[in-house]
Amino acid sequence: MRILIADDHPMVRDALAQALAGFAEDLTFVEATDHDSLLAMADDSALDIALVDLNMPGMNGMSGVRRLHARHPTLPLIVVSGQSDPGTARAALEAGAGGFVPKTEPAETLMVALRAVLSGRVHMPSHAVLALHVDAHETPAAPISNGTTPSLTARQLDVLALLQKGASNKMIARHLGLTEGTVKLHVAALLRALRARNRTEAVVHARALGLGES
């Protein structure tokens, strides 16, 4: 497995590499120190995932993430940032990242994020997911059947109903008048609430609990 670590601070690159040292056998790290070297490494290396800082020279914040994603749309990408506010986390998803990890988080969180994004799921800090509900002035819907049924917001139930119809994130965003980044956050919250590893499991678990379509 080849992991690209892109950050202009050597100590941060070393810390990230040490945090992930036991993630897999035959693990190889390649490094970039600015936006140009990030693109060069992505172009020339067979990478499994990239960990990218927002504030390297030439990145221009989310613009650099968008350029990388446009150039390599299938490359799994996690933004690892010194910023931790929900707005930045959501903007990273909008730009094409599959995950967002503040640099203040422990190494275990980075491991969890890596597993999630490599398996096609989204990883976001819990406070960013919670802030989505606050921003939308949502309150959890009442449990449907019994105490084991997770409480979902009205918007999450809307997203779940479309997931059950096989809709993509783009289709859900268009139907509900949301951005794709916001839809990704709702899907991540649904997976967490339903204890599902992917969208298919979420649909199966929801139906077993009597949520959404019968």
Protein backbone atom coordinates (compact mmCIF):
# COMPACT_ATOMS: atom_id res chain seq x y z
CA MET A 1 0.00 0.00 0.00
CA ARG A 2 1.27 3.45 -0.98
CA ILE A 3 0.11 6.47 1.02
CA LEU A 4 0.87 10.02 -0.06
CA ILE A 5 1.42 12.47 2.80
CA ALA A 6 1.30 16.08 1.63
CA ASP A 7 2.29 18.73 4.17
CA ASP A 8 4.94 21.43 4.17
CA HIS A 9 6.06 20.71 7.75
CA PRO A 10 8.52 17.77 8.11
CA MET A 11 7.46 17.11 11.71
CA VAL A 12 3.82 16.77 10.66
CA ARG A 13 4.73 14.38 7.84
CA ASP A 14 6.79 12.29 10.25
CA ALA A 15 4.00 12.26 12.84
CA LEU A 16 1.42 11.12 10.28
CA ALA A 17 3.72 8.38 9.01
CA GLN A 18 4.37 7.15 12.55
CA ALA A 19 0.65 7.20 13.35
CA LEU A 20 -0.07 4.94 10.37
CA ALA A 21 3.03 2.73 10.58
CA GLY A 22 1.04 -0.33 11.66
CA PHE A 23 -1.89 0.18 9.32
CA ALA A 24 -0.89 -2.47 6.78
CA GLU A 25 1.97 -4.72 5.73
CA ASP A 26 4.35 -3.51 3.03
CA LEU A 27 3.32 0.07 3.70
CA THR A 28 5.13 2.76 1.70
CA PHE A 29 4.90 6.50 2.24
CA VAL A 30 5.61 9.11 -0.42
CA GLU A 31 5.77 12.78 0.49
CA ALA A 32 4.87 16.13 -1.03
CA THR A 33 5.66 19.55 0.39
CA ASP A 34 3.56 21.84 -1.81
CA HIS A 35 0.78 21.76 -4.38
CA ASP A 36 3.09 21.21 -7.37
CA SER A 37 4.86 18.25 -5.78
CA LEU A 38 1.48 16.88 -4.66
CA LEU A 39 0.23 16.80 -8.24
CA ALA A 40 3.53 15.40 -9.49
CA MET A 41 3.44 12.56 -6.97
CA ALA A 42 -0.19 11.81 -7.77
CA ASP A 43 0.61 11.77 -11.49
CA ASP A 44 3.68 9.54 -11.23
CA SER A 45 2.83 7.17 -8.36
CA ALA A 46 0.36 4.31 -8.02
CA LEU A 47 -1.25 5.63 -4.84
CA ASP A 48 -3.86 3.99 -2.65
CA ILE A 49 -4.81 7.14 -0.73
CA ALA A 50 -3.61 10.71 -0.14
CA LEU A 51 -3.51 12.71 3.10
CA VAL A 52 -3.43 16.39 2.22
CA ASP A 53 -2.93 19.61 4.16
CA LEU A 54 -4.91 22.70 3.10
CA ASN A 55 -2.27 25.33 3.74
CA MET A 56 0.77 24.11 1.81
CA PRO A 57 2.36 26.54 -0.65
CA GLY A 58 0.30 26.71 -3.83
CA MET A 59 -2.74 24.93 -2.41
CA ASN A 60 -4.96 27.97 -1.93
CA GLY A 61 -7.07 25.99 0.48
CA MET A 62 -9.94 24.07 -1.09
CA SER A 63 -8.92 25.13 -4.59
CA GLY A 64 -5.96 22.76 -4.39
CA VAL A 65 -8.17 19.92 -3.19
CA ARG A 66 -10.57 20.52 -6.08
CA ARG A 67 -7.71 20.51 -8.60
CA LEU A 68 -6.34 17.24 -7.22
CA HIS A 69 -9.77 15.61 -7.24
CA ALA A 70 -10.50 16.79 -10.78
CA ARG A 71 -7.16 15.40 -11.97
CA HIS A 72 -7.46 12.10 -10.06
CA PRO A 73 -11.17 11.59 -9.31
CA THR A 74 -10.75 7.96 -8.19
CA LEU A 75 -7.93 8.67 -5.72
CA PRO A 76 -9.24 8.40 -2.13
CA LEU A 77 -8.46 11.65 -0.36
CA ILE A 78 -8.44 12.76 3.28
CA VAL A 79 -7.86 16.37 4.27
CA VAL A 80 -5.74 16.54 7.44
CA SER A 81 -5.94 20.11 8.64
CA GLY A 82 -5.04 22.41 11.48
CA GLN A 83 -8.53 23.84 11.08
CA SER A 84 -11.33 21.94 12.77
CA ASP A 85 -14.49 24.01 12.27
CA PRO A 86 -17.53 22.31 10.70
CA GLY A 87 -17.61 24.71 7.78
CA THR A 88 -14.10 23.74 6.69
CA ALA A 89 -14.91 20.05 7.13
CA ARG A 90 -17.97 20.34 4.91
CA ALA A 91 -16.09 22.40 2.33
CA ALA A 92 -13.51 19.60 2.10
CA LEU A 93 -16.25 17.15 1.15
CA GLU A 94 -17.59 19.62 -1.40
CA ALA A 95 -14.11 19.84 -2.92
CA GLY A 96 -13.89 16.07 -3.39
CA ALA A 97 -12.38 14.70 -0.18
CA GLY A 98 -13.77 11.52 1.30
CA GLY A 99 -12.71 12.40 4.82
CA PHE A 100 -11.61 15.22 7.09
CA VAL A 101 -9.39 14.82 10.18
CA PRO A 102 -8.23 17.74 12.36
CA LYS A 103 -4.55 17.55 13.26
CA THR A 104 -5.50 17.69 16.93
CA GLU A 105 -7.18 14.27 16.73
CA PRO A 106 -5.38 11.18 18.12
CA ALA A 107 -3.69 8.64 15.87
CA GLU A 108 -6.59 6.21 16.32
CA THR A 109 -8.93 8.67 14.61
CA LEU A 110 -6.66 8.80 11.58
CA MET A 111 -6.70 4.99 11.42
CA VAL A 112 -10.51 4.98 11.54
CA ALA A 113 -10.69 7.63 8.83
CA LEU A 114 -8.31 5.69 6.58
CA ARG A 115 -10.34 2.50 6.89
CA ALA A 116 -13.57 4.35 6.21
CA VAL A 117 -12.41 6.22 3.13
CA LEU A 118 -10.62 3.21 1.64
CA SER A 119 -13.87 1.25 1.95
CA GLY A 120 -15.80 3.96 0.13
CA ARG A 121 -17.38 5.59 3.19
CA VAL A 122 -17.11 9.16 4.45
CA HIS A 123 -15.30 10.11 7.64
CA MET A 124 -16.08 13.39 9.38
CA PRO A 125 -15.55 14.68 12.93
CA SER A 126 -18.66 14.10 15.03
CA HIS A 127 -18.96 17.82 15.80
CA ALA A 128 -19.22 18.57 12.07
CA VAL A 129 -22.08 16.11 11.68
CA LEU A 130 -23.85 17.53 14.72
CA ALA A 131 -23.37 21.07 13.45
CA LEU A 132 -25.15 20.11 10.25
CA HIS A 133 -28.30 19.46 12.28
CA VAL A 134 -27.92 22.71 14.22
CA ASP A 135 -27.42 24.73 11.03
CA ALA A 136 -30.54 23.17 9.53
CA HIS A 137 -32.49 23.67 12.80
CA GLU A 138 -33.33 19.97 12.78
CA THR A 139 -34.48 17.96 15.76
CA PRO A 140 -34.41 14.18 15.88
CA ALA A 141 -37.55 12.41 14.76
CA ALA A 142 -39.27 10.24 17.35
CA PRO A 143 -38.22 6.56 17.46
CA ILE A 144 -40.39 4.55 15.10
CA SER A 145 -40.80 1.24 16.91
CA ASN A 146 -38.86 0.68 20.12
CA GLY A 147 -35.90 1.83 22.14
CA THR A 148 -33.41 0.16 19.81
CA THR A 149 -34.50 2.18 16.78
CA PRO A 150 -32.09 5.07 16.12
CA SER A 151 -33.52 8.58 16.17
CA LEU A 152 -33.06 10.22 12.78
CA THR A 153 -33.77 13.78 11.77
CA ALA A 154 -36.45 14.54 9.22
CA ARG A 155 -33.77 15.35 6.64
CA GLN A 156 -31.95 12.09 7.31
CA LEU A 157 -35.21 10.23 6.73
CA ASP A 158 -35.58 12.07 3.41
CA VAL A 159 -32.06 11.01 2.42
CA LEU A 160 -32.70 7.45 3.58
CA ALA A 161 -35.85 7.20 1.45
CA LEU A 162 -33.85 8.17 -1.63
CA LEU A 163 -31.03 5.78 -0.72
CA GLN A 164 -33.60 3.01 -0.64
CA LYS A 165 -34.51 3.92 -4.20
CA GLY A 166 -30.89 3.59 -5.27
CA ALA A 167 -30.26 7.31 -5.76
CA SER A 168 -26.70 8.59 -5.99
CA ASN A 169 -25.45 11.48 -3.87
CA LYS A 170 -25.79 13.78 -6.87
CA MET A 171 -29.39 12.69 -7.45
CA ILE A 172 -30.24 13.11 -3.76
CA ALA A 173 -28.69 16.58 -3.72
CA ARG A 174 -30.69 17.62 -6.78
CA HIS A 175 -33.94 16.19 -5.44
CA LEU A 176 -33.65 17.75 -1.98
CA GLY A 177 -32.04 21.02 -3.01
CA LEU A 178 -28.81 20.28 -1.10
CA THR A 179 -25.15 20.31 -1.99
CA GLU A 180 -23.35 17.00 -2.53
CA GLY A 181 -21.14 17.73 0.48
CA THR A 182 -24.19 18.10 2.70
CA VAL A 183 -25.61 14.85 1.33
CA LYS A 184 -22.33 13.08 2.12
CA LEU A 185 -22.60 14.28 5.70
CA HIS A 186 -26.16 13.02 6.00
CA VAL A 187 -25.15 9.64 4.55
CA ALA A 188 -22.23 9.44 7.00
CA ALA A 189 -24.62 10.18 9.88
CA LEU A 190 -27.02 7.50 8.64
CA LEU A 191 -24.26 4.90 8.44
CA ARG A 192 -23.20 5.73 11.98
CA ALA A 193 -26.75 5.67 13.35
CA LEU A 194 -27.63 2.42 11.59
CA ARG A 195 -24.26 0.80 12.37
CA ALA A 196 -23.76 0.09 8.70
CA ARG A 197 -20.49 -0.22 6.82
CA ASN A 198 -21.90 0.96 3.49
CA ARG A 199 -25.04 2.26 1.80
CA THR A 200 -26.37 -1.21 1.03
CA GLU A 201 -26.10 -2.27 4.67
CA ALA A 202 -27.76 0.97 5.74
CA VAL A 203 -30.77 0.21 3.53
CA VAL A 204 -30.99 -3.38 4.83
CA HIS A 205 -30.70 -2.31 8.48
CA ALA A 206 -33.24 0.48 8.02
CA ARG A 207 -35.81 -1.86 6.53
CA ALA A 208 -35.24 -4.37 9.32
CA LEU A 209 -35.99 -1.59 11.81
CA GLY A 210 -39.10 -0.45 9.96
CA LEU A 211 -37.54 2.79 8.73
CA GLY A 212 -38.39 4.12 5.30
CA GLU A 213 -39.87 1.91 2.63
CA SER A 214 -41.50 -1.39 3.54
